[in-house]
């Protein structure tokens, strides 16, 4: 019977196993034998060594060695099919009987330069069965005379397997442990074998990505480059099972990915937040609504009483009823970061500053949006000009005390920001045309208030919202937040502070 021990050794003939496996590694030119059950034509067996007993009663058929091992490495082949390695003392005690080179045939596959020795340990006159397959090491190969090896479609003891990810593929695992994805022609030459086993794991990718990962049976994975996949024969790649979910308070879609490594495995291994482009690339799949996303938490900041849902690094404010619907999970504390992002929007106000080193000019997304807005305004007979753009921390440090001298302390708090609390430092805010509140009633002021959201701009400090924003009405101060958010704020009348759930008060 053929038995595979998982490490590159196979034993076939009856009780040969222990002694044979260990002994074939002995000597300076050893190979790693693998025993098999299939028969392969071999050289005729030598005549058995005669002993004191007749052939009918003598249990020993002969004494053999391999072509690549030392002459001191001797195997005793018995008529019952068992083989054992003899020590030099045992061989001497037997009277130093003649030792013959075991019949061997050398073969290789069309896809590999590895040479395999198909050994027969004769135990009968007509015995030509292959008992052991040995992958020759470089040293053993040279000791055996550097045989070329006949090209065969199948090497005995080769296993044929499939990965769960690629049911169309057939992989040959040769005795040396190499793995090869077989072509259609190679399958035919091997006798069109069927898969003996389906291996869990395999090659997977996310529906929206071209990155391919190889998933091991233990659940670990690593990314496989296109070059590596090509070298492996471009194995079939499956889409990783994914659940697409969002919360009732956000339109953001989260991908709950399973990298399968066991039958029926549907455990969530990775949670990813999808961009609009990712979601479109995935085919805009149906989403489920969930109050909880794996790995999420409900948190509070050190300012205000708003509860936030934190998942994939994003904070989203939720209502008390939404928090209760999620099971009233424990609330964790979340420290303010510098800079601070909520709903992926950079927020700067009286409660939340940015670092003094932050910012180095107007952001490209703002300048591009303003150029488009200015061109469209010109078509409507409106001229828009930036009169104040980026301001560094140092610049604001000079402006703030000047405003106090100009307006007095109380009024200055409504007209100017302390250093580090100015939106101008983010590079996402601009003042246009005039710093007079009356400008809001001009044609240009009305045009900006009416159409600015189409370009991603909001009037950051609108009329009647001083108690919320902490600043007086400034129709000229525009903040870029993106078209989607700006449109939402335009429809709802919310300020950015209200939308993000943060107060705006100096502490």
Protein backbone atom coordinates (compact mmCIF):
# COMPACT_ATOMS: atom_id res chain seq x y z
CA UNK A 1 0.00 0.00 0.00
CA UNK A 2 1.11 3.64 -0.65
CA UNK A 3 1.26 5.87 2.36
CA UNK A 4 2.15 9.61 2.37
CA UNK A 5 3.72 10.89 5.56
CA UNK A 6 3.36 14.63 4.63
CA UNK A 7 7.02 15.51 4.69
CA UNK A 8 8.21 14.25 1.35
CA UNK A 9 8.64 10.49 2.25
CA UNK A 10 6.40 7.64 1.20
CA UNK A 11 6.67 4.00 2.15
CA UNK A 12 5.08 1.19 0.23
CA UNK A 13 6.14 -2.28 0.84
CA UNK A 14 4.71 -3.84 3.95
CA UNK A 15 6.87 -3.18 6.97
CA UNK A 16 9.67 -1.37 5.11
CA UNK A 17 8.87 2.04 6.50
CA UNK A 18 11.10 2.91 9.43
CA UNK A 19 14.41 1.47 8.46
CA UNK A 20 14.18 2.45 4.81
CA UNK A 21 13.24 6.11 5.27
CA UNK A 22 16.04 6.87 7.67
CA UNK A 23 18.73 4.97 5.93
CA UNK A 24 18.32 6.53 2.48
CA UNK A 25 19.46 9.84 3.89
CA UNK A 26 22.77 8.43 5.01
CA UNK A 27 26.06 9.17 3.31
CA UNK A 28 27.37 12.29 1.62
CA UNK A 29 25.20 11.89 -1.51
CA UNK A 30 21.71 11.24 -0.17
CA UNK A 31 18.25 11.79 -1.64
CA UNK A 32 14.82 12.09 -0.10
CA UNK A 33 12.93 8.88 -0.97
CA UNK A 34 9.18 8.60 -1.28
CA UNK A 35 7.57 5.15 -1.45
CA UNK A 36 4.80 4.47 -3.94
CA UNK A 37 2.36 1.72 -4.92
CA UNK A 38 2.18 2.26 -8.67
CA UNK A 39 4.33 0.08 -10.91
CA UNK A 40 6.90 1.43 -13.34
CA UNK A 41 9.11 -0.59 -15.66
CA UNK A 42 12.50 -1.08 -14.09
CA UNK A 43 15.67 -2.92 -14.82
CA UNK A 44 15.51 -6.70 -14.28
CA UNK A 45 16.19 -7.75 -10.74
CA UNK A 46 19.57 -9.34 -10.05
CA UNK A 47 19.75 -12.90 -9.04
CA UNK A 48 19.09 -13.33 -5.32
CA UNK A 49 22.05 -14.02 -3.12
CA UNK A 50 22.08 -17.59 -2.08
CA UNK A 51 22.58 -18.46 1.53
CA UNK A 52 22.94 -21.63 3.51
CA UNK A 53 19.21 -22.22 3.23
CA UNK A 54 17.35 -23.10 0.03
CA UNK A 55 15.42 -20.34 -1.80
CA UNK A 56 12.20 -21.88 -0.58
CA UNK A 57 13.20 -21.54 3.05
CA UNK A 58 15.63 -18.57 3.01
CA UNK A 59 13.68 -15.38 4.02
CA UNK A 60 16.34 -13.11 2.51
CA UNK A 61 16.08 -12.33 -1.21
CA UNK A 62 19.17 -10.13 -1.54
CA UNK A 63 21.33 -7.23 -0.41
CA UNK A 64 21.23 -3.88 -2.21
CA UNK A 65 22.39 -0.29 -2.24
CA UNK A 66 21.40 2.81 -4.23
CA UNK A 67 23.61 4.26 -6.98
CA UNK A 68 24.13 7.49 -5.07
CA UNK A 69 24.82 6.24 -1.54
CA UNK A 70 28.00 4.93 -0.01
CA UNK A 71 28.96 1.29 -0.51
CA UNK A 72 28.72 1.05 3.25
CA UNK A 73 24.99 1.74 3.08
CA UNK A 74 23.43 -1.71 2.62
CA UNK A 75 19.80 -2.78 2.61
CA UNK A 76 18.47 -6.24 3.22
CA UNK A 77 15.45 -7.11 1.06
CA UNK A 78 13.31 -10.00 2.35
CA UNK A 79 10.94 -12.21 0.45
CA UNK A 80 7.99 -10.93 2.46
CA UNK A 81 8.55 -7.47 0.97
CA UNK A 82 10.18 -5.83 3.98
CA UNK A 83 13.45 -3.92 3.74
CA UNK A 84 15.83 -2.91 6.46
CA UNK A 85 19.16 -1.16 6.58
CA UNK A 86 22.05 -3.18 7.94
CA UNK A 87 24.84 -1.92 10.12
CA UNK A 88 28.36 -2.78 9.00
CA UNK A 89 28.65 -5.20 11.93
CA UNK A 90 25.45 -6.98 10.93
CA UNK A 91 26.64 -7.29 7.35
CA UNK A 92 30.00 -8.67 8.55
CA UNK A 93 28.26 -11.19 10.84
CA UNK A 94 26.34 -12.43 7.81
CA UNK A 95 29.61 -13.22 6.09
CA UNK A 96 29.79 -10.07 3.96
CA UNK A 97 27.36 -11.28 1.29
CA UNK A 98 27.49 -9.64 -2.18
CA UNK A 99 25.70 -6.30 -2.51
CA UNK A 100 23.93 -5.31 -5.75
CA UNK A 101 22.82 -1.87 -6.95
CA UNK A 102 19.04 -1.74 -6.71
CA UNK A 103 17.17 -1.45 -10.02
CA UNK A 104 16.38 2.21 -10.67
CA UNK A 105 14.84 4.33 -13.39
CA UNK A 106 15.35 8.12 -13.61
CA UNK A 107 12.51 10.39 -14.71
CA UNK A 108 11.51 14.03 -14.72
CA UNK A 109 8.48 16.09 -15.67
CA UNK A 110 8.21 18.47 -18.61
CA UNK A 111 7.75 21.46 -16.30
CA UNK A 112 10.69 20.89 -13.94
CA UNK A 113 14.38 20.05 -14.07
CA UNK A 114 14.10 17.93 -10.92
CA UNK A 115 15.16 14.32 -11.46
CA UNK A 116 13.48 11.50 -9.53
CA UNK A 117 14.83 8.00 -8.96
CA UNK A 118 12.23 5.21 -9.13
CA UNK A 119 13.68 2.45 -6.98
CA UNK A 120 12.74 -1.23 -6.77
CA UNK A 121 13.75 -3.29 -3.72
CA UNK A 122 13.36 -6.76 -5.25
CA UNK A 123 11.80 -9.49 -3.13
CA UNK A 124 10.89 -11.92 -5.91
CA UNK A 125 12.29 -12.93 -9.28
CA UNK A 126 9.62 -11.08 -11.25
CA UNK A 127 9.46 -8.00 -8.98
CA UNK A 128 9.63 -4.75 -10.94
CA UNK A 129 7.33 -2.62 -8.80
CA UNK A 130 8.49 0.86 -7.82
CA UNK A 131 8.86 0.86 -4.07
CA UNK A 132 10.52 4.21 -3.49
CA UNK A 133 10.59 7.59 -5.27
CA UNK A 134 13.62 9.69 -4.39
CA UNK A 135 14.09 13.33 -5.37
CA UNK A 136 17.79 13.56 -6.05
CA UNK A 137 19.69 16.32 -4.28
CA UNK A 138 22.48 17.98 -6.31
CA UNK A 139 25.04 15.78 -4.53
CA UNK A 140 23.03 12.60 -5.05
CA UNK A 141 22.40 13.57 -8.66
CA UNK A 142 26.14 13.84 -9.36
CA UNK A 143 26.87 10.61 -7.47
CA UNK A 144 24.31 8.81 -9.61
CA UNK A 145 26.15 9.96 -12.74
CA UNK A 146 24.04 13.03 -13.53
CA UNK A 147 21.28 11.04 -15.26
CA UNK A 148 19.18 13.04 -17.72
CA UNK A 149 15.95 11.33 -16.80
CA UNK A 150 13.15 10.35 -19.16
CA UNK A 151 10.31 12.88 -19.46
CA UNK A 152 7.08 11.40 -18.12
CA UNK A 153 3.58 12.77 -17.68
CA UNK A 154 3.24 11.32 -14.19
CA UNK A 155 5.79 10.73 -11.46
CA UNK A 156 4.69 8.00 -9.02
CA UNK A 157 3.53 9.33 -5.63
CA UNK A 158 2.55 12.69 -7.17
CA UNK A 159 -0.64 14.02 -5.58
CA UNK A 160 -3.26 15.91 -7.58
CA UNK A 161 -5.18 18.56 -5.70
CA UNK A 162 -7.43 21.57 -6.17
CA UNK A 163 -7.83 24.75 -4.14
CA UNK A 164 -11.29 25.71 -2.96
CA UNK A 165 -10.80 29.00 -4.81
CA UNK A 166 -10.07 27.32 -8.15
CA UNK A 167 -12.29 24.34 -8.97
CA UNK A 168 -11.19 24.45 -12.62
CA UNK A 169 -7.50 24.13 -11.74
CA UNK A 170 -5.58 20.94 -11.07
CA UNK A 171 -2.28 21.17 -9.20
CA UNK A 172 0.38 18.46 -9.20
CA UNK A 173 2.34 18.10 -6.00
CA UNK A 174 5.46 16.14 -6.89
CA UNK A 175 7.43 14.03 -4.37
CA UNK A 176 9.83 16.88 -3.61
CA UNK A 177 6.90 19.04 -2.44
CA UNK A 178 6.81 21.31 -5.50
CA UNK A 179 3.41 22.59 -6.60
CA UNK A 180 2.59 22.99 -10.30
CA UNK A 181 -0.61 24.17 -11.99
CA UNK A 182 -1.11 21.73 -14.85
CA UNK A 183 -2.04 22.74 -18.37
CA UNK A 184 -4.63 20.81 -20.37
CA UNK A 185 -1.88 19.03 -22.30
CA UNK A 186 -0.04 18.10 -19.10
CA UNK A 187 -3.24 16.65 -17.70
CA UNK A 188 -3.68 14.43 -20.76
CA UNK A 189 -0.06 13.24 -20.60
CA UNK A 190 -0.54 12.37 -16.92
CA UNK A 191 -3.56 10.24 -17.78
CA UNK A 192 -6.24 12.85 -16.98
CA UNK A 193 -6.06 12.35 -13.20
CA UNK A 194 -8.79 13.64 -10.90
CA UNK A 195 -8.20 15.76 -7.82
CA UNK A 196 -7.55 13.60 -4.79
CA UNK A 197 -8.20 16.45 -2.35
CA UNK A 198 -9.67 19.95 -2.22
CA UNK A 199 -7.33 22.20 -0.25
CA UNK A 200 -8.93 25.00 1.72
CA UNK A 201 -7.78 28.54 1.08
CA UNK A 202 -6.26 29.49 -2.24
CA UNK A 203 -6.29 32.65 -4.35
CA UNK A 204 -8.82 35.40 -3.55
CA UNK A 205 -9.39 39.09 -4.16
CA UNK A 206 -11.97 41.68 -3.13
CA UNK A 207 -14.66 42.47 -5.72
CA UNK A 208 -13.41 46.04 -6.21
CA UNK A 209 -9.68 45.35 -6.19
CA UNK A 210 -7.10 43.71 -8.42
CA UNK A 211 -4.93 42.75 -5.45
CA UNK A 212 -4.72 38.97 -5.14
CA UNK A 213 -4.03 37.22 -1.85
CA UNK A 214 -3.09 33.64 -1.17
CA UNK A 215 -5.01 32.36 1.84
CA UNK A 216 -3.38 29.58 3.82
CA UNK A 217 -5.37 26.86 5.61
CA UNK A 218 -4.49 28.48 8.95
CA UNK A 219 -6.25 31.70 7.85
CA UNK A 220 -3.12 33.78 7.28
CA UNK A 221 -2.66 35.38 3.89
CA UNK A 222 -0.14 37.26 1.80
CA UNK A 223 -0.38 39.34 -1.34
CA UNK A 224 0.66 37.68 -4.58
CA UNK A 225 2.11 39.86 -7.32
CA UNK A 226 1.08 39.52 -10.96
CA UNK A 227 4.60 38.30 -11.75
CA UNK A 228 4.39 35.57 -9.12
CA UNK A 229 0.95 34.48 -10.29
CA UNK A 230 2.23 34.25 -13.86
CA UNK A 231 5.14 32.11 -12.67
CA UNK A 232 2.62 29.85 -10.94
CA UNK A 233 0.59 29.41 -14.10
CA UNK A 234 -1.99 32.15 -13.43
CA UNK A 235 -4.20 30.11 -11.10
CA UNK A 236 -7.91 30.84 -10.89
CA UNK A 237 -8.76 33.71 -8.51
CA UNK A 238 -12.07 33.79 -6.63
CA UNK A 239 -13.92 36.77 -5.21
CA UNK A 240 -13.76 36.76 -1.41
CA UNK A 241 -17.24 36.37 0.14
CA UNK A 242 -18.32 39.83 1.25
CA UNK A 243 -21.28 41.35 3.06
CA UNK A 244 -21.93 45.00 2.22
CA UNK A 245 -23.38 46.93 5.14
CA UNK A 246 -24.12 50.47 6.23
CA UNK A 247 -25.58 52.07 9.34
CA UNK A 248 -28.92 53.93 9.51
CA UNK A 249 -27.06 57.20 10.14
CA UNK A 250 -24.55 57.01 7.30
CA UNK A 251 -24.52 56.25 3.59
CA UNK A 252 -20.96 54.93 3.80
CA UNK A 253 -20.78 51.29 2.74
CA UNK A 254 -18.56 48.92 4.69
CA UNK A 255 -17.30 45.66 3.23
CA UNK A 256 -17.26 42.75 5.70
CA UNK A 257 -14.78 40.42 4.04
CA UNK A 258 -14.22 36.71 4.63
CA UNK A 259 -10.94 35.18 3.48
CA UNK A 260 -12.08 31.52 3.47
CA UNK A 261 -9.74 28.95 4.95
CA UNK A 262 -12.14 26.20 6.07
CA UNK A 263 -15.29 24.56 4.67
CA UNK A 264 -18.25 26.89 5.16
CA UNK A 265 -16.04 29.61 6.64
CA UNK A 266 -17.97 32.89 6.83
CA UNK A 267 -16.16 34.57 9.69
CA UNK A 268 -15.46 38.28 9.23
CA UNK A 269 -11.72 38.67 8.75
CA UNK A 270 -11.51 42.27 7.53
CA UNK A 271 -13.73 45.36 7.56
CA UNK A 272 -13.12 48.00 4.94
CA UNK A 273 -14.80 51.31 4.23
CA UNK A 274 -15.58 51.63 0.54
CA UNK A 275 -15.22 54.80 -1.44
CA UNK A 276 -17.81 55.62 -4.09
CA UNK A 277 -15.38 54.33 -6.71
CA UNK A 278 -14.83 51.07 -4.78
CA UNK A 279 -18.57 50.53 -4.46
CA UNK A 280 -19.10 51.14 -8.17
CA UNK A 281 -16.23 48.77 -9.05
CA UNK A 282 -17.88 46.08 -6.91
CA UNK A 283 -21.03 46.41 -9.06
CA UNK A 284 -23.04 48.47 -6.57
CA UNK A 285 -24.15 45.40 -4.61
CA UNK A 286 -27.18 45.38 -2.31
CA UNK A 287 -26.40 46.60 1.19
CA UNK A 288 -27.78 45.54 4.54
CA UNK A 289 -28.54 48.05 7.28
CA UNK A 290 -26.87 47.32 10.61
CA UNK A 291 -26.59 49.26 13.84
CA UNK A 292 -23.23 47.62 14.55
CA UNK A 293 -20.23 47.04 12.31
CA UNK A 294 -17.53 44.57 13.45
CA UNK A 295 -14.76 46.40 15.26
CA UNK A 296 -16.81 49.54 15.90
CA UNK A 297 -17.36 51.50 19.12
CA UNK A 298 -19.52 54.30 20.46
CA UNK A 299 -17.53 57.17 21.90
CA UNK A 300 -17.70 60.67 23.35
CA UNK A 301 -15.28 63.52 22.96
CA UNK A 302 -13.96 65.58 25.84
CA UNK A 303 -16.17 68.43 24.55
CA UNK A 304 -19.95 68.37 24.25
CA UNK A 305 -22.41 65.54 24.86
CA UNK A 306 -22.65 64.13 21.36
CA UNK A 307 -22.30 60.36 20.93
CA UNK A 308 -20.25 59.22 17.97
CA UNK A 309 -20.11 55.92 16.16
CA UNK A 310 -16.47 55.07 15.42
CA UNK A 311 -15.71 52.55 12.67
CA UNK A 312 -12.82 52.22 10.23
CA UNK A 313 -11.28 55.34 11.76
CA UNK A 314 -14.31 57.55 11.06
CA UNK A 315 -16.46 59.35 13.65
CA UNK A 316 -20.15 59.88 12.86
CA UNK A 317 -22.52 61.61 15.31
CA UNK A 318 -25.59 59.60 16.30
CA UNK A 319 -28.75 60.45 18.23
CA UNK A 320 -29.59 58.98 21.61
CA UNK A 321 -32.34 56.87 20.05
CA UNK A 322 -29.90 55.49 17.49
CA UNK A 323 -27.45 54.64 20.25
CA UNK A 324 -30.19 52.82 22.17
CA UNK A 325 -31.27 50.98 19.00
CA UNK A 326 -27.69 49.73 18.73
CA UNK A 327 -28.08 48.12 22.17
CA UNK A 328 -26.87 51.01 24.35
CA UNK A 329 -23.24 49.87 24.15
CA UNK A 330 -20.70 51.21 26.62
CA UNK A 331 -19.44 54.67 25.73
CA UNK A 332 -15.70 55.06 25.45
CA UNK A 333 -13.76 58.29 25.64
CA UNK A 334 -12.13 59.58 22.48
CA UNK A 335 -9.51 62.25 22.80
CA UNK A 336 -9.40 65.21 20.46
CA UNK A 337 -6.76 64.85 17.82
CA UNK A 338 -4.86 67.61 16.09
CA UNK A 339 -6.05 67.96 13.40
CA UNK A 340 -9.55 66.62 14.16
CA UNK A 341 -11.72 64.86 11.56
CA UNK A 342 -15.40 63.98 11.97
CA UNK A 343 -17.31 62.42 9.06
CA UNK A 344 -13.96 62.70 7.26
CA UNK A 345 -14.21 66.49 7.46
CA UNK A 346 -11.51 68.59 9.07
CA UNK A 347 -13.19 70.64 11.80
CA UNK A 348 -11.65 73.78 13.26
CA UNK A 349 -13.60 76.10 15.56
CA UNK A 350 -13.28 77.67 19.00
CA UNK A 351 -13.39 74.27 20.70
CA UNK A 352 -11.08 72.43 18.31
CA UNK A 353 -7.73 73.88 17.12
CA UNK A 354 -5.11 72.67 14.67
CA UNK A 355 -1.40 72.44 15.49
CA UNK A 356 0.67 75.60 15.05
CA UNK A 357 2.70 73.88 12.31
CA UNK A 358 -0.34 72.82 10.30
CA UNK A 359 -0.96 74.13 6.77
CA UNK A 360 1.18 75.41 3.94
CA UNK A 361 -1.19 77.07 1.49
CA UNK A 362 -4.59 76.77 -0.14
CA UNK A 363 -5.58 73.18 -0.85
CA UNK A 364 -5.81 72.06 -4.49
CA UNK A 365 -9.42 70.93 -4.12
CA UNK A 366 -10.38 74.44 -3.03
CA UNK A 367 -8.51 76.29 -5.78
CA UNK A 368 -9.93 74.00 -8.46
CA UNK A 369 -13.49 74.40 -7.16
CA UNK A 370 -13.13 78.18 -6.84
CA UNK A 371 -11.82 78.49 -10.40
CA UNK A 372 -14.92 76.71 -11.68
CA UNK A 373 -17.24 78.78 -9.46
CA UNK A 374 -15.62 82.06 -10.49
CA UNK A 375 -15.97 81.18 -14.19
CA UNK A 376 -19.64 80.30 -13.82
CA UNK A 377 -20.29 83.43 -11.74
CA UNK A 378 -18.69 85.53 -14.46
CA UNK A 379 -21.17 84.07 -16.95
CA UNK A 380 -23.94 85.37 -14.66
CA UNK A 381 -22.36 88.81 -14.46
CA UNK A 382 -20.80 88.28 -11.01
CA UNK A 383 -17.14 88.90 -10.24
CA UNK A 384 -15.55 86.87 -7.43
CA UNK A 385 -12.09 87.56 -6.02
CA UNK A 386 -10.19 85.99 -3.14
CA UNK A 387 -9.13 88.74 -0.76
CA UNK A 388 -7.80 86.47 1.98
CA UNK A 389 -6.72 82.86 1.60
CA UNK A 390 -4.26 80.81 3.61
CA UNK A 391 -3.02 82.26 6.90
CA UNK A 392 -0.33 80.66 8.98
CA UNK A 393 -0.43 80.37 12.75
CA UNK A 394 2.06 83.25 12.97
CA UNK A 395 -0.10 85.46 10.75
CA UNK A 396 -3.16 84.80 12.89
CA UNK A 397 -1.11 85.51 16.00
CA UNK A 398 -0.56 89.03 14.63
CA UNK A 399 -4.15 89.56 13.44
CA UNK A 400 -5.94 88.49 16.62
CA UNK A 401 -4.49 91.15 19.01
CA UNK A 402 -4.94 93.77 16.28
CA UNK A 403 -8.66 92.96 16.16
CA UNK A 404 -8.88 93.29 19.93
CA UNK A 405 -7.35 96.75 19.71
CA UNK A 406 -9.71 97.63 16.85
CA UNK A 407 -13.02 96.29 18.23
CA UNK A 408 -12.41 95.66 21.92
CA UNK A 409 -12.11 92.22 23.48
CA UNK A 410 -15.80 91.14 23.45
CA UNK A 411 -16.47 92.18 19.86
CA UNK A 412 -13.14 90.80 18.68
CA UNK A 413 -14.19 87.34 19.87
CA UNK A 414 -16.98 87.45 17.27
CA UNK A 415 -14.79 88.81 14.47
CA UNK A 416 -11.46 87.00 14.76
CA UNK A 417 -10.13 83.61 15.79
CA UNK A 418 -7.37 82.91 18.21
CA UNK A 419 -4.16 81.52 16.70
CA UNK A 420 -4.66 77.82 15.90
CA UNK A 421 -8.46 78.21 15.76
CA UNK A 422 -8.70 79.91 12.36
CA UNK A 423 -10.10 78.00 9.39
CA UNK A 424 -7.76 79.97 7.14
CA UNK A 425 -4.87 77.93 8.53
CA UNK A 426 -6.40 74.75 7.04
CA UNK A 427 -6.12 76.03 3.48
CA UNK A 428 -9.81 75.17 3.04
CA UNK A 429 -11.28 78.64 3.73
CA UNK A 430 -11.25 81.92 1.81
CA UNK A 431 -12.68 85.43 2.14
CA UNK A 432 -14.11 86.79 -1.10
CA UNK A 433 -14.76 90.35 -2.37
CA UNK A 434 -15.52 92.22 0.87
CA UNK A 435 -15.51 91.88 4.66
CA UNK A 436 -18.69 93.92 5.07
CA UNK A 437 -21.85 92.18 6.26
CA UNK A 438 -23.73 94.33 3.77
CA UNK A 439 -21.93 92.47 0.99
CA UNK A 440 -24.27 89.57 1.65
CA UNK A 441 -27.12 91.62 0.13
CA UNK A 442 -25.24 92.42 -3.04
CA UNK A 443 -25.69 90.48 -6.27
CA UNK A 444 -22.39 88.68 -5.70
CA UNK A 445 -23.19 87.89 -2.07
CA UNK A 446 -26.60 86.47 -2.98
CA UNK A 447 -25.10 84.45 -5.85
CA UNK A 448 -22.53 82.83 -3.56
CA UNK A 449 -25.13 82.02 -0.91
CA UNK A 450 -27.44 80.50 -3.53
CA UNK A 451 -25.03 78.54 -5.70
CA UNK A 452 -21.84 78.02 -3.67
CA UNK A 453 -22.89 74.51 -2.60
CA UNK A 454 -22.72 73.36 -6.22
CA UNK A 455 -18.96 73.77 -6.00
CA UNK A 456 -18.57 72.44 -2.46
CA UNK A 457 -18.60 75.79 -0.62
CA UNK A 458 -20.68 76.85 2.38
CA UNK A 459 -21.06 80.23 4.06
CA UNK A 460 -19.32 79.06 7.20
CA UNK A 461 -20.80 81.66 9.59
CA UNK A 462 -24.38 82.28 8.43
CA UNK A 463 -26.80 84.87 9.74
CA UNK A 464 -28.63 83.96 12.94
CA UNK A 465 -26.18 81.19 13.96
CA UNK A 466 -23.75 83.11 16.16
CA UNK A 467 -24.76 81.11 19.24
CA UNK A 468 -23.74 77.94 17.41
CA UNK A 469 -20.64 79.00 15.49
CA UNK A 470 -19.30 81.53 18.00
CA UNK A 471 -18.82 84.11 15.24
CA UNK A 472 -20.85 86.98 13.82
CA UNK A 473 -22.40 86.70 10.36
CA UNK A 474 -19.69 86.62 7.70
CA UNK A 475 -21.18 86.23 4.20
CA UNK A 476 -17.72 86.51 2.68
CA UNK A 477 -16.13 83.61 4.59
CA UNK A 478 -16.45 80.44 2.49
CA UNK A 479 -15.37 76.98 3.57
CA UNK A 480 -14.88 74.12 1.14
CA UNK A 481 -16.42 70.83 2.36
CA UNK A 482 -17.23 69.06 -0.90
CA UNK A 483 -20.37 69.10 -3.01
CA UNK A 484 -22.21 66.32 -1.17
CA UNK A 485 -21.84 67.82 2.30
CA UNK A 486 -22.34 71.41 1.09
CA UNK A 487 -25.58 70.40 -0.64
CA UNK A 488 -26.80 68.63 2.49
CA UNK A 489 -26.09 71.67 4.66
CA UNK A 490 -27.79 73.93 2.12
CA UNK A 491 -30.96 71.80 2.23
CA UNK A 492 -31.06 71.36 6.01
CA UNK A 493 -29.84 74.81 7.07
CA UNK A 494 -27.36 73.22 9.46
CA UNK A 495 -24.02 74.76 10.24
CA UNK A 496 -20.89 72.64 9.96
CA UNK A 497 -20.68 72.54 13.77
CA UNK A 498 -24.23 71.17 14.05
CA UNK A 499 -23.64 68.62 11.30
CA UNK A 500 -20.54 67.32 13.08
CA UNK A 501 -22.06 67.57 16.56
CA UNK A 502 -19.43 69.79 18.14
CA UNK A 503 -19.71 72.98 20.22
CA UNK A 504 -17.70 76.08 19.37
CA UNK A 505 -16.57 77.68 22.60
CA UNK A 506 -13.15 78.58 23.85
CA UNK A 507 -12.15 76.50 26.83
